[in-house]
Amino acid sequence: MNTLYVILGAAIGAPARFAIDQYIRKFTDKPYGIFFVNVLGSFLIGLTFSKSEKVYDLVAVGFAGAFTTWSTFMLDLYLGYELKRYKEVALNLSVSLLFGLLAAWIGIQLAN
């Protein structure tokens, strides 16, 4: 793995996630920003799955690794549970898994 490519991708991915999430949170208190970046990141990982090692390290490991966020997703689920928004939590969890898997599959299909 080329560490420089991972560092470069991560340096772009994390601020991109933050900017997108903050922008979307101006319009709603629902975790749509994190949902969007996680689905887009799944697509990018799938899209670069069979690419060269440098492209994979830059886009999948670096950018998508820093762009997507399991910890924020878990926090959104926890906070929804604490606020007794059980339907929203269940919907967020199931739709995120469904669309994340679908996005990764589409990316792999397009790459092949």
PDB file of N, CA and C in Angstrom:
ATOM      1  N   MET A   1       0.845  -1.178   0.000  1.00  0.00           N
ATOM      2  CA  MET A   1       0.000   0.000   0.000  1.00  0.00           C
ATOM      3  C   MET A   1       0.886   1.234   0.000  1.00  0.00           C
ATOM      4  N   ASN A   2       0.562   2.164  -0.827  1.00  0.00           N
ATOM      5  CA  ASN A   2       1.353   3.377  -0.925  1.00  0.00           C
ATOM      6  C   ASN A   2       0.801   4.400   0.068  1.00  0.00           C
ATOM      7  N   THR A   3       1.511   4.619   1.140  1.00  0.00           N
ATOM      8  CA  THR A   3       1.067   5.476   2.238  1.00  0.00           C
ATOM      9  C   THR A   3       0.775   6.896   1.790  1.00  0.00           C
ATOM     10  N   LEU A   4       1.534   7.419   0.865  1.00  0.00           N
ATOM     11  CA  LEU A   4       1.312   8.780   0.393  1.00  0.00           C
ATOM     12  C   LEU A   4      -0.062   8.925  -0.265  1.00  0.00           C
ATOM     13  N   TYR A   5      -0.463   7.944  -1.057  1.00  0.00           N
ATOM     14  CA  TYR A   5      -1.785   7.982  -1.692  1.00  0.00           C
ATOM     15  C   TYR A   5      -2.904   7.920  -0.646  1.00  0.00           C
ATOM     16  N   VAL A   6      -2.720   7.105   0.362  1.00  0.00           N
ATOM     17  CA  VAL A   6      -3.720   7.004   1.430  1.00  0.00           C
ATOM     18  C   VAL A   6      -3.832   8.334   2.179  1.00  0.00           C
ATOM     19  N   ILE A   7      -2.697   8.921   2.504  1.00  0.00           N
ATOM     20  CA  ILE A   7      -2.690  10.205   3.222  1.00  0.00           C
ATOM     21  C   ILE A   7      -3.368  11.292   2.390  1.00  0.00           C
ATOM     22  N   LEU A   8      -3.046  11.353   1.114  1.00  0.00           N
ATOM     23  CA  LEU A   8      -3.647  12.355   0.233  1.00  0.00           C
ATOM     24  C   LEU A   8      -5.163  12.166   0.127  1.00  0.00           C
ATOM     25  N   GLY A   9      -5.584  10.939  -0.091  1.00  0.00           N
ATOM     26  CA  GLY A   9      -7.022  10.658  -0.178  1.00  0.00           C
ATOM     27  C   GLY A   9      -7.751  11.000   1.107  1.00  0.00           C
ATOM     28  N   ALA A  10      -7.167  10.640   2.240  1.00  0.00           N
ATOM     29  CA  ALA A  10      -7.789  10.918   3.538  1.00  0.00           C
ATOM     30  C   ALA A  10      -7.848  12.413   3.819  1.00  0.00           C
ATOM     31  N   ALA A  11      -6.814  13.136   3.391  1.00  0.00           N
ATOM     32  CA  ALA A  11      -6.785  14.585   3.607  1.00  0.00           C
ATOM     33  C   ALA A  11      -7.901  15.289   2.834  1.00  0.00           C
ATOM     34  N   ILE A  12      -8.356  14.696   1.763  1.00  0.00           N
ATOM     35  CA  ILE A  12      -9.466  15.254   0.989  1.00  0.00           C
ATOM     36  C   ILE A  12     -10.807  14.695   1.488  1.00  0.00           C
ATOM     37  N   GLY A  13     -10.831  13.419   1.837  1.00  0.00           N
ATOM     38  CA  GLY A  13     -12.078  12.757   2.217  1.00  0.00           C
ATOM     39  C   GLY A  13     -12.705  13.273   3.496  1.00  0.00           C
ATOM     40  N   ALA A  14     -11.927  13.445   4.532  1.00  0.00           N
ATOM     41  CA  ALA A  14     -12.485  13.887   5.820  1.00  0.00           C
ATOM     42  C   ALA A  14     -13.091  15.286   5.739  1.00  0.00           C
ATOM     43  N   PRO A  15     -12.395  16.276   5.167  1.00  0.00           N
ATOM     44  CA  PRO A  15     -13.028  17.595   5.045  1.00  0.00           C
ATOM     45  C   PRO A  15     -14.251  17.586   4.124  1.00  0.00           C
ATOM     46  N   ALA A  16     -14.227  16.749   3.095  1.00  0.00           N
ATOM     47  CA  ALA A  16     -15.387  16.654   2.203  1.00  0.00           C
ATOM     48  C   ALA A  16     -16.598  16.123   2.959  1.00  0.00           C
ATOM     49  N   ARG A  17     -16.391  15.099   3.783  1.00  0.00           N
ATOM     50  CA  ARG A  17     -17.488  14.561   4.597  1.00  0.00           C
ATOM     51  C   ARG A  17     -18.035  15.635   5.518  1.00  0.00           C
ATOM     52  N   PHE A  18     -17.165  16.328   6.205  1.00  0.00           N
ATOM     53  CA  PHE A  18     -17.581  17.359   7.148  1.00  0.00           C
ATOM     54  C   PHE A  18     -18.380  18.450   6.437  1.00  0.00           C
ATOM     55  N   ALA A  19     -17.881  18.914   5.293  1.00  0.00           N
ATOM     56  CA  ALA A  19     -18.546  19.992   4.556  1.00  0.00           C
ATOM     57  C   ALA A  19     -19.925  19.560   4.065  1.00  0.00           C
ATOM     58  N   ILE A  20     -20.025  18.366   3.516  1.00  0.00           N
ATOM     59  CA  ILE A  20     -21.317  17.881   3.024  1.00  0.00           C
ATOM     60  C   ILE A  20     -22.297  17.708   4.175  1.00  0.00           C
ATOM     61  N   ASP A  21     -21.858  17.098   5.259  1.00  0.00           N
ATOM     62  CA  ASP A  21     -22.744  16.877   6.401  1.00  0.00           C
ATOM     63  C   ASP A  21     -23.211  18.205   7.000  1.00  0.00           C
ATOM     64  N   GLN A  22     -22.312  19.152   7.168  1.00  0.00           N
ATOM     65  CA  GLN A  22     -22.685  20.451   7.734  1.00  0.00           C
ATOM     66  C   GLN A  22     -23.653  21.195   6.815  1.00  0.00           C
ATOM     67  N   TYR A  23     -23.441  21.098   5.533  1.00  0.00           N
ATOM     68  CA  TYR A  23     -24.334  21.763   4.585  1.00  0.00           C
ATOM     69  C   TYR A  23     -25.744  21.173   4.677  1.00  0.00           C
ATOM     70  N   ILE A  24     -25.854  19.857   4.673  1.00  0.00           N
ATOM     71  CA  ILE A  24     -27.171  19.211   4.710  1.00  0.00           C
ATOM     72  C   ILE A  24     -27.860  19.440   6.050  1.00  0.00           C
ATOM     73  N   ARG A  25     -27.093  19.525   7.142  1.00  0.00           N
ATOM     74  CA  ARG A  25     -27.695  19.771   8.465  1.00  0.00           C
ATOM     75  C   ARG A  25     -28.300  21.172   8.598  1.00  0.00           C
ATOM     76  N   LYS A  26     -28.001  22.071   7.664  1.00  0.00           N
ATOM     77  CA  LYS A  26     -28.646  23.385   7.660  1.00  0.00           C
ATOM     78  C   LYS A  26     -30.140  23.263   7.341  1.00  0.00           C
ATOM     79  N   PHE A  27     -30.513  22.185   6.665  1.00  0.00           N
ATOM     80  CA  PHE A  27     -31.876  22.016   6.189  1.00  0.00           C
ATOM     81  C   PHE A  27     -32.694  21.006   6.987  1.00  0.00           C
ATOM     82  N   THR A  28     -32.044  20.172   7.777  1.00  0.00           N
ATOM     83  CA  THR A  28     -32.765  19.124   8.510  1.00  0.00           C
ATOM     84  C   THR A  28     -31.958  18.690   9.725  1.00  0.00           C
ATOM     85  N   ASP A  29     -32.646  18.167  10.712  1.00  0.00           N
ATOM     86  CA  ASP A  29     -31.951  17.609  11.875  1.00  0.00           C
ATOM     87  C   ASP A  29     -31.783  16.095  11.736  1.00  0.00           C
ATOM     88  N   LYS A  30     -32.206  15.560  10.629  1.00  0.00           N
ATOM     89  CA  LYS A  30     -32.063  14.121  10.366  1.00  0.00           C
ATOM     90  C   LYS A  30     -30.661  13.861   9.792  1.00  0.00           C
ATOM     91  N   PRO A  31     -30.140  12.665   9.969  1.00  0.00           N
ATOM     92  CA  PRO A  31     -28.754  12.378   9.555  1.00  0.00           C
ATOM     93  C   PRO A  31     -28.594  12.068   8.068  1.00  0.00           C
ATOM     94  N   TYR A  32     -29.179  12.894   7.212  1.00  0.00           N
ATOM     95  CA  TYR A  32     -29.107  12.658   5.767  1.00  0.00           C
ATOM     96  C   TYR A  32     -27.705  12.868   5.209  1.00  0.00           C
ATOM     97  N   GLY A  33     -26.936  13.761   5.798  1.00  0.00           N
ATOM     98  CA  GLY A  33     -25.576  14.005   5.310  1.00  0.00           C
ATOM     99  C   GLY A  33     -24.699  12.779   5.456  1.00  0.00           C
ATOM    100  N   ILE A  34     -24.738  12.166   6.632  1.00  0.00           N
ATOM    101  CA  ILE A  34     -23.937  10.955   6.872  1.00  0.00           C
ATOM    102  C   ILE A  34     -24.431   9.814   6.003  1.00  0.00           C
ATOM    103  N   PHE A  35     -25.752   9.717   5.850  1.00  0.00           N
ATOM    104  CA  PHE A  35     -26.319   8.701   4.955  1.00  0.00           C
ATOM    105  C   PHE A  35     -25.760   8.878   3.546  1.00  0.00           C
ATOM    106  N   PHE A  36     -25.794  10.098   3.041  1.00  0.00           N
ATOM    107  CA  PHE A  36     -25.327  10.387   1.688  1.00  0.00           C
ATOM    108  C   PHE A  36     -23.851  10.040   1.512  1.00  0.00           C
ATOM    109  N   VAL A  37     -23.005  10.491   2.430  1.00  0.00           N
ATOM    110  CA  VAL A  37     -21.573  10.223   2.262  1.00  0.00           C
ATOM    111  C   VAL A  37     -21.263   8.735   2.398  1.00  0.00           C
ATOM    112  N   ASN A  38     -21.977   8.024   3.254  1.00  0.00           N
ATOM    113  CA  ASN A  38     -21.726   6.592   3.399  1.00  0.00           C
ATOM    114  C   ASN A  38     -22.132   5.826   2.140  1.00  0.00           C
ATOM    115  N   VAL A  39     -23.262   6.206   1.519  1.00  0.00           N
ATOM    116  CA  VAL A  39     -23.681   5.542   0.284  1.00  0.00           C
ATOM    117  C   VAL A  39     -22.724   5.895  -0.852  1.00  0.00           C
ATOM    118  N   LEU A  40     -22.373   7.161  -0.980  1.00  0.00           N
ATOM    119  CA  LEU A  40     -21.429   7.575  -2.021  1.00  0.00           C
ATOM    120  C   LEU A  40     -20.067   6.899  -1.827  1.00  0.00           C
ATOM    121  N   GLY A  41     -19.614   6.821  -0.591  1.00  0.00           N
ATOM    122  CA  GLY A  41     -18.344   6.144  -0.308  1.00  0.00           C
ATOM    123  C   GLY A  41     -18.396   4.670  -0.658  1.00  0.00           C
ATOM    124  N   SER A  42     -19.521   4.018  -0.387  1.00  0.00           N
ATOM    125  CA  SER A  42     -19.687   2.604  -0.756  1.00  0.00           C
ATOM    126  C   SER A  42     -19.591   2.433  -2.262  1.00  0.00           C
ATOM    127  N   PHE A  43     -20.202   3.361  -2.989  1.00  0.00           N
ATOM    128  CA  PHE A  43     -20.137   3.325  -4.453  1.00  0.00           C
ATOM    129  C   PHE A  43     -18.690   3.486  -4.923  1.00  0.00           C
ATOM    130  N   LEU A  44     -17.978   4.441  -4.363  1.00  0.00           N
ATOM    131  CA  LEU A  44     -16.592   4.675  -4.777  1.00  0.00           C
ATOM    132  C   LEU A  44     -15.692   3.482  -4.463  1.00  0.00           C
ATOM    133  N   ILE A  45     -15.915   2.853  -3.323  1.00  0.00           N
ATOM    134  CA  ILE A  45     -15.131   1.663  -2.981  1.00  0.00           C
ATOM    135  C   ILE A  45     -15.406   0.553  -3.991  1.00  0.00           C
ATOM    136  N   GLY A  46     -16.679   0.364  -4.325  1.00  0.00           N
ATOM    137  CA  GLY A  46     -17.022  -0.641  -5.332  1.00  0.00           C
ATOM    138  C   GLY A  46     -16.446  -0.309  -6.694  1.00  0.00           C
ATOM    139  N   LEU A  47     -16.488   0.954  -7.066  1.00  0.00           N
ATOM    140  CA  LEU A  47     -16.004   1.403  -8.362  1.00  0.00           C
ATOM    141  C   LEU A  47     -14.499   1.180  -8.508  1.00  0.00           C
ATOM    142  N   THR A  48     -13.754   1.297  -7.428  1.00  0.00           N
ATOM    143  CA  THR A  48     -12.291   1.157  -7.495  1.00  0.00           C
ATOM    144  C   THR A  48     -11.806  -0.219  -7.049  1.00  0.00           C
ATOM    145  N   PHE A  49     -12.718  -1.138  -6.814  1.00  0.00           N
ATOM    146  CA  PHE A  49     -12.372  -2.460  -6.283  1.00  0.00           C
ATOM    147  C   PHE A  49     -11.331  -3.190  -7.118  1.00  0.00           C
ATOM    148  N   SER A  50     -11.459  -3.132  -8.424  1.00  0.00           N
ATOM    149  CA  SER A  50     -10.519  -3.881  -9.271  1.00  0.00           C
ATOM    150  C   SER A  50      -9.541  -2.974 -10.010  1.00  0.00           C
ATOM    151  N   LYS A  51      -9.365  -1.764  -9.544  1.00  0.00           N
ATOM    152  CA  LYS A  51      -8.423  -0.824 -10.182  1.00  0.00           C
ATOM    153  C   LYS A  51      -7.004  -1.091  -9.692  1.00  0.00           C
ATOM    154  N   SER A  52      -6.076  -0.296 -10.188  1.00  0.00           N
ATOM    155  CA  SER A  52      -4.677  -0.460  -9.774  1.00  0.00           C
ATOM    156  C   SER A  52      -4.540  -0.187  -8.279  1.00  0.00           C
ATOM    157  N   GLU A  53      -3.447  -0.661  -7.729  1.00  0.00           N
ATOM    158  CA  GLU A  53      -3.218  -0.492  -6.292  1.00  0.00           C
ATOM    159  C   GLU A  53      -3.168   0.990  -5.911  1.00  0.00           C
ATOM    160  N   LYS A  54      -2.559   1.814  -6.749  1.00  0.00           N
ATOM    161  CA  LYS A  54      -2.458   3.243  -6.438  1.00  0.00           C
ATOM    162  C   LYS A  54      -3.827   3.915  -6.428  1.00  0.00           C
ATOM    163  N   VAL A  55      -4.654   3.609  -7.420  1.00  0.00           N
ATOM    164  CA  VAL A  55      -6.007   4.181  -7.472  1.00  0.00           C
ATOM    165  C   VAL A  55      -6.823   3.694  -6.284  1.00  0.00           C
ATOM    166  N   TYR A  56      -6.728   2.403  -5.990  1.00  0.00           N
ATOM    167  CA  TYR A  56      -7.469   1.839  -4.858  1.00  0.00           C
ATOM    168  C   TYR A  56      -7.019   2.476  -3.543  1.00  0.00           C
ATOM    169  N   ASP A  57      -5.722   2.629  -3.352  1.00  0.00           N
ATOM    170  CA  ASP A  57      -5.200   3.236  -2.126  1.00  0.00           C
ATOM    171  C   ASP A  57      -5.651   4.686  -1.987  1.00  0.00           C
ATOM    172  N   LEU A  58      -5.615   5.436  -3.078  1.00  0.00           N
ATOM    173  CA  LEU A  58      -6.008   6.838  -3.046  1.00  0.00           C
ATOM    174  C   LEU A  58      -7.512   6.999  -2.812  1.00  0.00           C
ATOM    175  N   VAL A  59      -8.323   6.322  -3.608  1.00  0.00           N
ATOM    176  CA  VAL A  59      -9.774   6.540  -3.582  1.00  0.00           C
ATOM    177  C   VAL A  59     -10.467   5.707  -2.508  1.00  0.00           C
ATOM    178  N   ALA A  60     -10.238   4.401  -2.496  1.00  0.00           N
ATOM    179  CA  ALA A  60     -10.967   3.523  -1.574  1.00  0.00           C
ATOM    180  C   ALA A  60     -10.440   3.608  -0.146  1.00  0.00           C
ATOM    181  N   VAL A  61      -9.150   3.370   0.021  1.00  0.00           N
ATOM    182  CA  VAL A  61      -8.589   3.348   1.371  1.00  0.00           C
ATOM    183  C   VAL A  61      -8.474   4.755   1.945  1.00  0.00           C
ATOM    184  N   GLY A  62      -7.907   5.680   1.176  1.00  0.00           N
ATOM    185  CA  GLY A  62      -7.689   7.045   1.671  1.00  0.00           C
ATOM    186  C   GLY A  62      -8.951   7.882   1.683  1.00  0.00           C
ATOM    187  N   PHE A  63      -9.452   8.225   0.487  1.00  0.00           N
ATOM    188  CA  PHE A  63     -10.600   9.127   0.404  1.00  0.00           C
ATOM    189  C   PHE A  63     -11.850   8.531   1.040  1.00  0.00           C
ATOM    190  N   ALA A  64     -12.290   7.368   0.547  1.00  0.00           N
ATOM    191  CA  ALA A  64     -13.541   6.786   1.057  1.00  0.00           C
ATOM    192  C   ALA A  64     -13.413   6.367   2.518  1.00  0.00           C
ATOM    193  N   GLY A  65     -12.223   5.942   2.918  1.00  0.00           N
ATOM    194  CA  GLY A  65     -12.019   5.566   4.315  1.00  0.00           C
ATOM    195  C   GLY A  65     -12.213   6.736   5.260  1.00  0.00           C
ATOM    196  N   ALA A  66     -11.772   7.913   4.852  1.00  0.00           N
ATOM    197  CA  ALA A  66     -11.944   9.109   5.681  1.00  0.00           C
ATOM    198  C   ALA A  66     -13.288   9.786   5.417  1.00  0.00           C
ATOM    199  N   PHE A  67     -13.829   9.609   4.218  1.00  0.00           N
ATOM    200  CA  PHE A  67     -15.087  10.241   3.814  1.00  0.00           C
ATOM    201  C   PHE A  67     -16.278   9.580   4.506  1.00  0.00           C
ATOM    202  N   THR A  68     -16.294   8.262   4.522  1.00  0.00           N
ATOM    203  CA  THR A  68     -17.385   7.542   5.187  1.00  0.00           C
ATOM    204  C   THR A  68     -17.078   7.462   6.676  1.00  0.00           C
ATOM    205  N   THR A  69     -18.116   7.205   7.460  1.00  0.00           N
ATOM    206  CA  THR A  69     -17.878   7.207   8.893  1.00  0.00           C
ATOM    207  C   THR A  69     -18.826   6.290   9.634  1.00  0.00           C
ATOM    208  N   TRP A  70     -18.288   5.227  10.128  1.00  0.00           N
ATOM    209  CA  TRP A  70     -19.067   4.282  10.929  1.00  0.00           C
ATOM    210  C   TRP A  70     -19.395   4.902  12.283  1.00  0.00           C
ATOM    211  N   SER A  71     -18.459   5.608  12.872  1.00  0.00           N
ATOM    212  CA  SER A  71     -18.665   6.155  14.214  1.00  0.00           C
ATOM    213  C   SER A  71     -19.780   7.200  14.232  1.00  0.00           C
ATOM    214  N   THR A  72     -19.840   8.077  13.251  1.00  0.00           N
ATOM    215  CA  THR A  72     -20.910   9.074  13.211  1.00  0.00           C
ATOM    216  C   THR A  72     -22.244   8.404  12.927  1.00  0.00           C
ATOM    217  N   PHE A  73     -22.248   7.400  12.093  1.00  0.00           N
ATOM    218  CA  PHE A  73     -23.457   6.630  11.815  1.00  0.00           C
ATOM    219  C   PHE A  73     -23.982   6.005  13.107  1.00  0.00           C
ATOM    220  N   MET A  74     -23.088   5.399  13.886  1.00  0.00           N
ATOM    221  CA  MET A  74     -23.495   4.796  15.160  1.00  0.00           C
ATOM    222  C   MET A  74     -24.020   5.858  16.128  1.00  0.00           C
ATOM    223  N   LEU A  75     -23.362   7.009  16.175  1.00  0.00           N
ATOM    224  CA  LEU A  75     -23.813   8.088  17.047  1.00  0.00           C
ATOM    225  C   LEU A  75     -25.204   8.566  16.641  1.00  0.00           C
ATOM    226  N   ASP A  76     -25.449   8.718  15.348  1.00  0.00           N
ATOM    227  CA  ASP A  76     -26.778   9.118  14.882  1.00  0.00           C
ATOM    228  C   ASP A  76     -27.838   8.103  15.305  1.00  0.00           C
ATOM    229  N   LEU A  77     -27.513   6.822  15.198  1.00  0.00           N
ATOM    230  CA  LEU A  77     -28.456   5.784  15.631  1.00  0.00           C
ATOM    231  C   LEU A  77     -28.696   5.864  17.138  1.00  0.00           C
ATOM    232  N   TYR A  78     -27.636   6.026  17.890  1.00  0.00           N
ATOM    233  CA  TYR A  78     -27.759   6.107  19.347  1.00  0.00           C
ATOM    234  C   TYR A  78     -28.585   7.320  19.774  1.00  0.00           C
ATOM    235  N   LEU A  79     -28.296   8.474  19.196  1.00  0.00           N
ATOM    236  CA  LEU A  79     -29.028   9.681  19.574  1.00  0.00           C
ATOM    237  C   LEU A  79     -30.502   9.569  19.202  1.00  0.00           C
ATOM    238  N   GLY A  80     -30.797   8.978  18.057  1.00  0.00           N
ATOM    239  CA  GLY A  80     -32.192   8.740  17.685  1.00  0.00           C
ATOM    240  C   GLY A  80     -32.883   7.829  18.680  1.00  0.00           C
ATOM    241  N   TYR A  81     -32.182   6.807  19.135  1.00  0.00           N
ATOM    242  CA  TYR A  81     -32.731   5.891  20.135  1.00  0.00           C
ATOM    243  C   TYR A  81     -32.989   6.627  21.451  1.00  0.00           C
ATOM    244  N   GLU A  82     -32.024   7.425  21.866  1.00  0.00           N
ATOM    245  CA  GLU A  82     -32.180   8.181  23.113  1.00  0.00           C
ATOM    246  C   GLU A  82     -33.359   9.163  23.046  1.00  0.00           C
ATOM    247  N   LEU A  83     -33.612   9.703  21.868  1.00  0.00           N
ATOM    248  CA  LEU A  83     -34.733  10.629  21.681  1.00  0.00           C
ATOM    249  C   LEU A  83     -36.041   9.886  21.401  1.00  0.00           C
ATOM    250  N   LYS A  84     -35.982   8.564  21.506  1.00  0.00           N
ATOM    251  CA  LYS A  84     -37.133   7.692  21.306  1.00  0.00           C
ATOM    252  C   LYS A  84     -37.728   7.820  19.895  1.00  0.00           C
ATOM    253  N   ARG A  85     -36.860   8.042  18.934  1.00  0.00           N
ATOM    254  CA  ARG A  85     -37.264   8.091  17.532  1.00  0.00           C
ATOM    255  C   ARG A  85     -36.993   6.720  16.911  1.00  0.00           C
ATOM    256  N   TYR A  86     -37.666   5.725  17.433  1.00  0.00           N
ATOM    257  CA  TYR A  86     -37.384   4.344  17.074  1.00  0.00           C
ATOM    258  C   TYR A  86     -37.629   4.061  15.597  1.00  0.00           C
ATOM    259  N   LYS A  87     -38.690   4.627  15.056  1.00  0.00           N
ATOM    260  CA  LYS A  87     -38.989   4.410  13.640  1.00  0.00           C
ATOM    261  C   LYS A  87     -37.883   5.007  12.767  1.00  0.00           C
ATOM    262  N   GLU A  88     -37.407   6.207  13.105  1.00  0.00           N
ATOM    263  CA  GLU A  88     -36.329   6.841  12.347  1.00  0.00           C
ATOM    264  C   GLU A  88     -35.038   6.038  12.446  1.00  0.00           C
ATOM    265  N   VAL A  89     -34.747   5.513  13.636  1.00  0.00           N
ATOM    266  CA  VAL A  89     -33.534   4.710  13.836  1.00  0.00           C
ATOM    267  C   VAL A  89     -33.588   3.451  12.981  1.00  0.00           C
ATOM    268  N   ALA A  90     -34.728   2.757  13.023  1.00  0.00           N
ATOM    269  CA  ALA A  90     -34.877   1.530  12.236  1.00  0.00           C
ATOM    270  C   ALA A  90     -34.790   1.825  10.745  1.00  0.00           C
ATOM    271  N   LEU A  91     -35.392   2.919  10.325  1.00  0.00           N
ATOM    272  CA  LEU A  91     -35.348   3.297   8.917  1.00  0.00           C
ATOM    273  C   LEU A  91     -33.929   3.664   8.493  1.00  0.00           C
ATOM    274  N   ASN A  92     -33.237   4.444   9.303  1.00  0.00           N
ATOM    275  CA  ASN A  92     -31.858   4.837   9.000  1.00  0.00           C
ATOM    276  C   ASN A  92     -30.964   3.609   8.886  1.00  0.00           C
ATOM    277  N   LEU A  93     -31.072   2.710   9.832  1.00  0.00           N
ATOM    278  CA  LEU A  93     -30.242   1.509   9.828  1.00  0.00           C
ATOM    279  C   LEU A  93     -30.524   0.650   8.599  1.00  0.00           C
ATOM    280  N   SER A  94     -31.779   0.347   8.344  1.00  0.00           N
ATOM    281  CA  SER A  94     -32.102  -0.559   7.238  1.00  0.00           C
ATOM    282  C   SER A  94     -31.834   0.081   5.874  1.00  0.00           C
ATOM    283  N   VAL A  95     -32.197   1.342   5.710  1.00  0.00           N
ATOM    284  CA  VAL A  95     -31.976   2.006   4.426  1.00  0.00           C
ATOM    285  C   VAL A  95     -30.484   2.216   4.174  1.00  0.00           C
ATOM    286  N   SER A  96     -29.726   2.540   5.201  1.00  0.00           N
ATOM    287  CA  SER A  96     -28.276   2.711   5.041  1.00  0.00           C
ATOM    288  C   SER A  96     -27.613   1.410   4.611  1.00  0.00           C
ATOM    289  N   LEU A  97     -27.991   0.311   5.231  1.00  0.00           N
ATOM    290  CA  LEU A  97     -27.417  -0.984   4.847  1.00  0.00           C
ATOM    291  C   LEU A  97     -27.818  -1.353   3.423  1.00  0.00           C
ATOM    292  N   LEU A  98     -29.093  -1.194   3.110  1.00  0.00           N
ATOM    293  CA  LEU A  98     -29.581  -1.542   1.777  1.00  0.00           C
ATOM    294  C   LEU A  98     -28.900  -0.700   0.700  1.00  0.00           C
ATOM    295  N   PHE A  99     -28.915   0.618   0.858  1.00  0.00           N
ATOM    296  CA  PHE A  99     -28.345   1.488  -0.161  1.00  0.00           C
ATOM    297  C   PHE A  99     -26.821   1.399  -0.205  1.00  0.00           C
ATOM    298  N   GLY A 100     -26.176   1.195   0.941  1.00  0.00           N
ATOM    299  CA  GLY A 100     -24.725   1.025   0.958  1.00  0.00           C
ATOM    300  C   GLY A 100     -24.295  -0.210   0.196  1.00  0.00           C
ATOM    301  N   LEU A 101     -24.974  -1.323   0.440  1.00  0.00           N
ATOM    302  CA  LEU A 101     -24.663  -2.557  -0.286  1.00  0.00           C
ATOM    303  C   LEU A 101     -24.979  -2.416  -1.771  1.00  0.00           C
ATOM    304  N   LEU A 102     -26.109  -1.802  -2.083  1.00  0.00           N
ATOM    305  CA  LEU A 102     -26.490  -1.598  -3.470  1.00  0.00           C
ATOM    306  C   LEU A 102     -25.483  -0.695  -4.190  1.00  0.00           C
ATOM    307  N   ALA A 103     -25.049   0.363  -3.533  1.00  0.00           N
ATOM    308  CA  ALA A 103     -24.076   1.281  -4.138  1.00  0.00           C
ATOM    309  C   ALA A 103     -22.747   0.576  -4.391  1.00  0.00           C
ATOM    310  N   ALA A 104     -22.287  -0.229  -3.443  1.00  0.00           N
ATOM    311  CA  ALA A 104     -21.037  -0.970  -3.629  1.00  0.00           C
ATOM    312  C   ALA A 104     -21.169  -1.950  -4.796  1.00  0.00           C
ATOM    313  N   TRP A 105     -22.305  -2.641  -4.874  1.00  0.00           N
ATOM    314  CA  TRP A 105     -22.543  -3.595  -5.959  1.00  0.00           C
ATOM    315  C   TRP A 105     -22.566  -2.883  -7.309  1.00  0.00           C
ATOM    316  N   ILE A 106     -23.254  -1.738  -7.391  1.00  0.00           N
ATOM    317  CA  ILE A 106     -23.311  -0.967  -8.648  1.00  0.00           C
ATOM    318  C   ILE A 106     -21.903  -0.523  -9.041  1.00  0.00           C
ATOM    319  N   GLY A 107     -21.140  -0.044  -8.085  1.00  0.00           N
ATOM    320  CA  GLY A 107     -19.772   0.367  -8.381  1.00  0.00           C
ATOM    321  C   GLY A 107     -18.935  -0.776  -8.932  1.00  0.00           C
ATOM    322  N   ILE A 108     -19.045  -1.952  -8.335  1.00  0.00           N
ATOM    323  CA  ILE A 108     -18.306  -3.128  -8.826  1.00  0.00           C
ATOM    324  C   ILE A 108     -18.760  -3.497 -10.221  1.00  0.00           C
ATOM    325  N   GLN A 109     -20.069  -3.456 -10.454  1.00  0.00           N
ATOM    326  CA  GLN A 109     -20.594  -3.815 -11.777  1.00  0.00           C
ATOM    327  C   GLN A 109     -20.095  -2.836 -12.841  1.00  0.00           C
ATOM    328  N   LEU A 110     -20.089  -1.556 -12.519  1.00  0.00           N
ATOM    329  CA  LEU A 110     -19.610  -0.549 -13.480  1.00  0.00           C
ATOM    330  C   LEU A 110     -18.110  -0.677 -13.743  1.00  0.00           C
ATOM    331  N   ALA A 111     -17.370  -1.090 -12.724  1.00  0.00           N
ATOM    332  CA  ALA A 111     -15.918  -1.219 -12.864  1.00  0.00           C
ATOM    333  C   ALA A 111     -15.537  -2.425 -13.722  1.00  0.00           C
ATOM    334  N   ASN A 112     -16.389  -3.429 -13.759  1.00  0.00           N
ATOM    335  CA  ASN A 112     -16.062  -4.653 -14.512  1.00  0.00           C
ATOM    336  C   ASN A 112     -16.445  -4.557 -15.956  1.00  0.00           C
TER     337      ASN A 112
END
